[in-house]
């Protein structure tokens, strides 16, 4: 969960969405709004491995998104790591 600076949620979403185009090993990257909080963004990711996720953080497009988006982030909420085992859309 990310909390955007008040009124900057949509700008933050646009930046985050730009950096997700080509991330090897990423099966899913979903950015969602929170209907109960106008500044909250939930991001759900599915990766082939933890190593793929860590490698993605070094991609130029992801680094640029982090640099541009960081000033629009007011806070970071809970972070939960899971291991997907079944479901629609998983490889």
C-alpha atoms as a PDB file:
ATOM      1  CA  UNK A   1       0.000   0.000   0.000  1.00  0.00           C
ATOM      2  CA  UNK A   2       1.233   3.459  -0.925  1.00  0.00           C
ATOM      3  CA  UNK A   3      -0.345   6.669   0.233  1.00  0.00           C
ATOM      4  CA  UNK A   4       0.075   9.523  -2.193  1.00  0.00           C
ATOM      5  CA  UNK A   5       0.506  13.141  -1.223  1.00  0.00           C
ATOM      6  CA  UNK A   6      -3.024  14.583  -1.012  1.00  0.00           C
ATOM      7  CA  UNK A   7      -4.405  15.141  -4.487  1.00  0.00           C
ATOM      8  CA  UNK A   8      -1.468  13.440  -6.252  1.00  0.00           C
ATOM      9  CA  UNK A   9      -2.774   9.852  -6.405  1.00  0.00           C
ATOM     10  CA  UNK A  10      -3.552   9.858 -10.129  1.00  0.00           C
ATOM     11  CA  UNK A  11      -0.188  11.434 -10.987  1.00  0.00           C
ATOM     12  CA  UNK A  12       1.574   8.759  -8.935  1.00  0.00           C
ATOM     13  CA  UNK A  13      -0.436   6.011 -10.645  1.00  0.00           C
ATOM     14  CA  UNK A  14       0.553   7.358 -14.062  1.00  0.00           C
ATOM     15  CA  UNK A  15       4.244   7.315 -13.130  1.00  0.00           C
ATOM     16  CA  UNK A  16       4.060   3.809 -11.678  1.00  0.00           C
ATOM     17  CA  UNK A  17       2.217   2.516 -14.735  1.00  0.00           C
ATOM     18  CA  UNK A  18       4.871   3.905 -17.103  1.00  0.00           C
ATOM     19  CA  UNK A  19       7.634   1.895 -15.442  1.00  0.00           C
ATOM     20  CA  UNK A  20       5.945  -1.498 -15.743  1.00  0.00           C
ATOM     21  CA  UNK A  21       6.116  -2.190 -19.467  1.00  0.00           C
ATOM     22  CA  UNK A  22       9.016  -4.617 -19.778  1.00  0.00           C
ATOM     23  CA  UNK A  23       9.958  -6.321 -16.535  1.00  0.00           C
ATOM     24  CA  UNK A  24      11.367  -9.802 -17.178  1.00  0.00           C
ATOM     25  CA  UNK A  25       9.894 -12.370 -14.824  1.00  0.00           C
ATOM     26  CA  UNK A  26       6.843 -10.258 -13.938  1.00  0.00           C
ATOM     27  CA  UNK A  27       3.630 -12.211 -14.424  1.00  0.00           C
ATOM     28  CA  UNK A  28       1.342  -9.498 -13.090  1.00  0.00           C
ATOM     29  CA  UNK A  29       1.618  -5.907 -11.854  1.00  0.00           C
ATOM     30  CA  UNK A  30      -1.723  -4.436 -10.813  1.00  0.00           C
ATOM     31  CA  UNK A  31      -2.192  -0.895  -9.519  1.00  0.00           C
ATOM     32  CA  UNK A  32      -5.522  -0.352  -7.769  1.00  0.00           C
ATOM     33  CA  UNK A  33      -7.215   2.546  -6.023  1.00  0.00           C
ATOM     34  CA  UNK A  34      -8.804   2.208  -2.596  1.00  0.00           C
ATOM     35  CA  UNK A  35     -12.474   3.254  -2.590  1.00  0.00           C
ATOM     36  CA  UNK A  36     -12.233   4.074   1.128  1.00  0.00           C
ATOM     37  CA  UNK A  37      -9.139   6.307   0.833  1.00  0.00           C
ATOM     38  CA  UNK A  38      -8.791   8.824  -2.027  1.00  0.00           C
ATOM     39  CA  UNK A  39      -4.997   8.940  -1.634  1.00  0.00           C
ATOM     40  CA  UNK A  40      -4.283   5.208  -1.296  1.00  0.00           C
ATOM     41  CA  UNK A  41      -2.866   2.921  -3.969  1.00  0.00           C
ATOM     42  CA  UNK A  42      -2.555  -0.850  -3.647  1.00  0.00           C
ATOM     43  CA  UNK A  43       0.003  -2.636  -5.813  1.00  0.00           C
ATOM     44  CA  UNK A  44      -0.161  -6.389  -6.302  1.00  0.00           C
ATOM     45  CA  UNK A  45       2.723  -8.095  -8.087  1.00  0.00           C
ATOM     46  CA  UNK A  46       3.414 -11.682  -9.142  1.00  0.00           C
ATOM     47  CA  UNK A  47       6.999 -12.583 -10.048  1.00  0.00           C
ATOM     48  CA  UNK A  48       8.662 -15.743 -11.306  1.00  0.00           C
ATOM     49  CA  UNK A  49      11.142 -15.376  -8.445  1.00  0.00           C
ATOM     50  CA  UNK A  50      12.384 -12.968  -5.803  1.00  0.00           C
ATOM     51  CA  UNK A  51      15.540 -12.531  -7.911  1.00  0.00           C
ATOM     52  CA  UNK A  52      13.455 -11.312 -10.871  1.00  0.00           C
ATOM     53  CA  UNK A  53      11.804  -8.719  -8.647  1.00  0.00           C
ATOM     54  CA  UNK A  54      15.121  -7.491  -7.248  1.00  0.00           C
ATOM     55  CA  UNK A  55      16.579  -7.313 -10.770  1.00  0.00           C
ATOM     56  CA  UNK A  56      13.601  -5.225 -11.919  1.00  0.00           C
ATOM     57  CA  UNK A  57      14.556  -2.526  -9.442  1.00  0.00           C
ATOM     58  CA  UNK A  58      17.701  -1.907 -11.504  1.00  0.00           C
ATOM     59  CA  UNK A  59      15.905  -1.458 -14.845  1.00  0.00           C
ATOM     60  CA  UNK A  60      16.230   2.110 -16.192  1.00  0.00           C
ATOM     61  CA  UNK A  61      12.448   2.480 -16.595  1.00  0.00           C
ATOM     62  CA  UNK A  62      11.805   1.330 -13.030  1.00  0.00           C
ATOM     63  CA  UNK A  63      14.606   3.514 -11.606  1.00  0.00           C
ATOM     64  CA  UNK A  64      13.131   6.520 -13.443  1.00  0.00           C
ATOM     65  CA  UNK A  65       9.639   5.763 -12.099  1.00  0.00           C
ATOM     66  CA  UNK A  66      10.999   5.494  -8.551  1.00  0.00           C
ATOM     67  CA  UNK A  67      12.871   8.792  -8.882  1.00  0.00           C
ATOM     68  CA  UNK A  68       9.859  10.627 -10.302  1.00  0.00           C
ATOM     69  CA  UNK A  69       7.304   9.005  -8.011  1.00  0.00           C
ATOM     70  CA  UNK A  70       9.101   9.224  -4.673  1.00  0.00           C
ATOM     71  CA  UNK A  71       8.198  12.915  -4.053  1.00  0.00           C
ATOM     72  CA  UNK A  72       4.506  12.041  -4.538  1.00  0.00           C
ATOM     73  CA  UNK A  73       4.532   9.330  -1.847  1.00  0.00           C
ATOM     74  CA  UNK A  74       3.357  10.433   1.596  1.00  0.00           C
ATOM     75  CA  UNK A  75       3.682   6.996   3.168  1.00  0.00           C
ATOM     76  CA  UNK A  76       3.994   3.275   2.716  1.00  0.00           C
ATOM     77  CA  UNK A  77       1.601   0.907   4.407  1.00  0.00           C
ATOM     78  CA  UNK A  78       1.667  -2.786   5.005  1.00  0.00           C
ATOM     79  CA  UNK A  79       3.816  -5.005   2.812  1.00  0.00           C
ATOM     80  CA  UNK A  80       2.978  -8.689   2.599  1.00  0.00           C
ATOM     81  CA  UNK A  81       4.882 -11.280   0.617  1.00  0.00           C
ATOM     82  CA  UNK A  82       3.041 -14.408  -0.469  1.00  0.00           C
ATOM     83  CA  UNK A  83       3.788 -17.393  -2.704  1.00  0.00           C
ATOM     84  CA  UNK A  84       1.054 -17.869  -5.344  1.00  0.00           C
ATOM     85  CA  UNK A  85       0.194 -21.528  -5.829  1.00  0.00           C
ATOM     86  CA  UNK A  86      -2.941 -21.501  -7.984  1.00  0.00           C
ATOM     87  CA  UNK A  87      -5.347 -19.160  -9.704  1.00  0.00           C
ATOM     88  CA  UNK A  88      -6.517 -17.699 -12.971  1.00  0.00           C
ATOM     89  CA  UNK A  89      -3.816 -15.839 -14.889  1.00  0.00           C
ATOM     90  CA  UNK A  90      -0.800 -17.527 -13.337  1.00  0.00           C
ATOM     91  CA  UNK A  91       1.697 -19.272 -15.544  1.00  0.00           C
END
